[in-house]
C-alpha atoms as a PDB file:
ATOM      1  CA  MET A   1    -105.271-145.910-158.372  1.00  0.00           C
ATOM      2  CA  SER A   2    -102.070-145.612-160.398  1.00  0.00           C
ATOM      3  CA  GLN A   3    -101.808-143.576-163.522  1.00  0.00           C
ATOM      4  CA  LEU A   4    -102.027-145.258-166.969  1.00  0.00           C
ATOM      5  CA  TYR A   5     -98.607-143.716-167.723  1.00  0.00           C
ATOM      6  CA  THR A   6     -97.077-145.603-164.766  1.00  0.00           C
ATOM      7  CA  LYS A   7     -98.685-148.888-165.698  1.00  0.00           C
ATOM      8  CA  VAL A   8     -97.644-148.620-169.355  1.00  0.00           C
ATOM      9  CA  LYS A   9     -94.107-147.665-168.303  1.00  0.00           C
ATOM     10  CA  LEU A  10     -93.982-150.799-166.049  1.00  0.00           C
ATOM     11  CA  TYR A  11     -95.328-152.992-168.943  1.00  0.00           C
ATOM     12  CA  LEU A  12     -92.623-151.635-171.185  1.00  0.00           C
ATOM     13  CA  GLU A  13     -89.873-152.231-168.639  1.00  0.00           C
ATOM     14  CA  ALA A  14     -91.121-155.774-168.100  1.00  0.00           C
ATOM     15  CA  ASN A  15     -90.632-156.283-171.829  1.00  0.00           C
ATOM     16  CA  SER A  16     -87.131-154.804-171.871  1.00  0.00           C
ATOM     17  CA  LYS A  17     -88.327-151.491-173.424  1.00  0.00           C
ATOM     18  CA  THR A  18     -88.217-147.911-172.228  1.00  0.00           C
ATOM     19  CA  TRP A  19     -90.773-145.115-172.609  1.00  0.00           C
ATOM     20  CA  ASP A  20     -90.463-143.251-175.863  1.00  0.00           C
ATOM     21  CA  ASP A  21     -92.857-140.451-176.625  1.00  0.00           C
ATOM     22  CA  THR A  22     -92.423-141.075-180.361  1.00  0.00           C
ATOM     23  CA  LYS A  23     -93.700-144.663-179.943  1.00  0.00           C
ATOM     24  CA  VAL A  24     -96.593-144.225-177.556  1.00  0.00           C
ATOM     25  CA  SER A  25     -99.106-141.535-176.715  1.00  0.00           C
ATOM     26  CA  LEU A  26    -101.776-141.473-174.124  1.00  0.00           C
ATOM     27  CA  GLN A  27    -105.075-139.511-174.286  1.00  0.00           C
ATOM     28  CA  ASN A  28    -108.101-138.771-172.207  1.00  0.00           C
ATOM     29  CA  ASP A  29    -111.229-138.052-174.146  1.00  0.00           C
ATOM     30  CA  GLY A  30    -113.283-137.376-170.993  1.00  0.00           C
ATOM     31  CA  ALA A  31    -114.199-141.025-170.475  1.00  0.00           C
ATOM     32  CA  GLY A  32    -110.740-141.973-169.192  1.00  0.00           C
ATOM     33  CA  ASP A  33    -107.146-142.423-170.186  1.00  0.00           C
ATOM     34  CA  TYR A  34    -106.292-144.700-173.001  1.00  0.00           C
ATOM     35  CA  ILE A  35    -103.437-145.522-175.322  1.00  0.00           C
ATOM     36  CA  LYS A  36    -103.960-143.407-178.451  1.00  0.00           C
ATOM     37  CA  SER A  37    -100.998-144.632-180.457  1.00  0.00           C
ATOM     38  CA  TRP A  38     -98.498-147.518-180.142  1.00  0.00           C
ATOM     39  CA  SER A  39     -95.560-148.327-182.440  1.00  0.00           C
ATOM     40  CA  TYR A  40     -93.347-150.527-180.352  1.00  0.00           C
ATOM     41  CA  ASP A  41     -92.206-153.869-181.761  1.00  0.00           C
ATOM     42  CA  ILE A  42     -94.151-155.661-178.970  1.00  0.00           C
ATOM     43  CA  ALA A  43     -97.869-156.063-178.735  1.00  0.00           C
ATOM     44  CA  LYS A  44     -99.868-153.198-177.331  1.00  0.00           C
ATOM     45  CA  PRO A  45    -101.017-154.182-173.836  1.00  0.00           C
ATOM     46  CA  THR A  46    -104.507-155.338-173.329  1.00  0.00           C
ATOM     47  CA  ASP A  47    -106.754-153.803-170.620  1.00  0.00           C
ATOM     48  CA  GLU A  48    -106.155-156.894-168.521  1.00  0.00           C
ATOM     49  CA  GLN A  49    -102.398-156.627-168.787  1.00  0.00           C
ATOM     50  CA  ILE A  50    -102.516-152.906-167.924  1.00  0.00           C
ATOM     51  CA  ALA A  51    -104.809-153.712-164.883  1.00  0.00           C
ATOM     52  CA  SER A  52    -102.286-156.289-163.679  1.00  0.00           C
ATOM     53  CA  TYR A  53     -99.838-153.453-163.016  1.00  0.00           C
ATOM     54  CA  GLU A  54    -102.132-151.605-160.649  1.00  0.00           C
ATOM     55  CA  ASN A  55    -100.464-152.629-157.368  1.00  0.00           C
ATOM     56  CA  SER A  56     -96.940-152.229-158.730  1.00  0.00           C
ATOM     57  CA  GLY A  57     -97.994-148.910-160.234  1.00  0.00           C
ATOM     58  CA  ASN A  58     -99.222-147.704-156.869  1.00  0.00           C
ATOM     59  CA  THR A  59     -95.949-148.767-155.279  1.00  0.00           C
ATOM     60  CA  GLU A  60     -93.923-147.023-158.048  1.00  0.00           C
ATOM     61  CA  GLU A  61     -95.893-143.753-157.646  1.00  0.00           C
ATOM     62  CA  ALA A  62     -95.545-143.792-153.884  1.00  0.00           C
ATOM     63  CA  LEU A  63     -91.829-144.333-154.267  1.00  0.00           C
ATOM     64  CA  GLN A  64     -91.629-141.387-156.689  1.00  0.00           C
ATOM     65  CA  VAL A  65     -93.349-139.117-154.116  1.00  0.00           C
ATOM     66  CA  VAL A  66     -90.798-140.120-151.504  1.00  0.00           C
ATOM     67  CA  LEU A  67     -87.888-139.566-153.867  1.00  0.00           C
ATOM     68  CA  ASN A  68     -89.218-136.200-155.002  1.00  0.00           C
ATOM     69  CA  ASN A  69     -89.651-135.148-151.395  1.00  0.00           C
ATOM     70  CA  ARG A  70     -86.114-136.199-150.580  1.00  0.00           C
ATOM     71  CA  ARG A  71     -84.742-134.376-153.612  1.00  0.00           C
ATOM     72  CA  ASN A  72     -86.454-131.171-152.463  1.00  0.00           C
ATOM     73  CA  ASP A  73     -85.417-131.609-148.844  1.00  0.00           C
ATOM     74  CA  TYR A  74     -81.704-132.457-149.342  1.00  0.00           C
ATOM     75  CA  PRO A  75     -79.361-129.501-148.946  1.00  0.00           C
ATOM     76  CA  SER A  76     -77.702-128.482-152.246  1.00  0.00           C
ATOM     77  CA  ILE A  77     -74.585-130.328-153.303  1.00  0.00           C
ATOM     78  CA  GLN A  78     -72.510-127.192-152.518  1.00  0.00           C
ATOM     79  CA  GLU A  79     -73.984-127.103-148.971  1.00  0.00           C
ATOM     80  CA  GLN A  80     -73.345-130.804-148.516  1.00  0.00           C
ATOM     81  CA  LEU A  81     -69.729-130.504-149.530  1.00  0.00           C
ATOM     82  CA  ASP A  82     -69.299-127.540-147.168  1.00  0.00           C
ATOM     83  CA  MET A  83     -70.871-129.614-144.388  1.00  0.00           C
ATOM     84  CA  GLN A  84     -68.473-132.510-145.149  1.00  0.00           C
ATOM     85  CA  TYR A  85     -65.467-130.252-145.094  1.00  0.00           C
ATOM     86  CA  TRP A  86     -66.412-128.654-141.755  1.00  0.00           C
ATOM     87  CA  ASP A  87     -67.315-132.085-140.281  1.00  0.00           C
ATOM     88  CA  LYS A  88     -63.827-133.228-141.148  1.00  0.00           C
ATOM     89  CA  VAL A  89     -62.228-130.084-139.748  1.00  0.00           C
ATOM     90  CA  ASN A  90     -64.323-130.041-136.569  1.00  0.00           C
ATOM     91  CA  ASN A  91     -64.757-133.780-136.190  1.00  0.00           C
ATOM     92  CA  THR A  92     -68.597-133.391-136.239  1.00  0.00           C
ATOM     93  CA  THR A  93     -71.414-135.320-138.028  1.00  0.00           C
ATOM     94  CA  ASN A  94     -73.567-132.435-139.282  1.00  0.00           C
ATOM     95  CA  TRP A  95     -73.706-133.760-142.891  1.00  0.00           C
ATOM     96  CA  GLU A  96     -74.586-137.327-141.778  1.00  0.00           C
ATOM     97  CA  ASP A  97     -77.241-135.933-139.381  1.00  0.00           C
ATOM     98  CA  ALA A  98     -78.759-133.759-142.159  1.00  0.00           C
ATOM     99  CA  ILE A  99     -78.971-136.653-144.608  1.00  0.00           C
ATOM    100  CA  ALA A 100     -80.301-139.074-141.963  1.00  0.00           C
ATOM    101  CA  LYS A 101     -83.047-136.547-141.024  1.00  0.00           C
ATOM    102  CA  VAL A 102     -84.210-136.305-144.700  1.00  0.00           C
ATOM    103  CA  LYS A 103     -84.310-140.020-145.026  1.00  0.00           C
ATOM    104  CA  GLU A 104     -86.098-140.413-141.686  1.00  0.00           C
ATOM    105  CA  ASP A 105     -88.692-137.807-142.585  1.00  0.00           C
ATOM    106  CA  ASN A 106     -89.275-139.457-146.010  1.00  0.00           C
ATOM    107  CA  PRO A 107     -89.019-143.268-145.517  1.00  0.00           C
ATOM    108  CA  LYS A 108     -89.279-145.505-148.548  1.00  0.00           C
END
């Protein structure tokens, strides 16, 4: 089940808006997450509208896990540049192989 934050963010994007902490706040009073405040110039989403973003919210959250894993697994930029230099000097593909491995291990 996707987070309320993700579903609200998708609702905003569908209405050409971006998340702004000064215009929306979420809260959980123990009974579940809800929109505590809303000051956008569009209507606050109804429960039905929020629920309609469940599948796309799940997809978005799964993608974020993959992207975070890739971010953590990629060599640093300095290491990648060094790999590229030595690949050019030695006519090897170490950089391409390293990047392909990260993508293979973390498919979208």
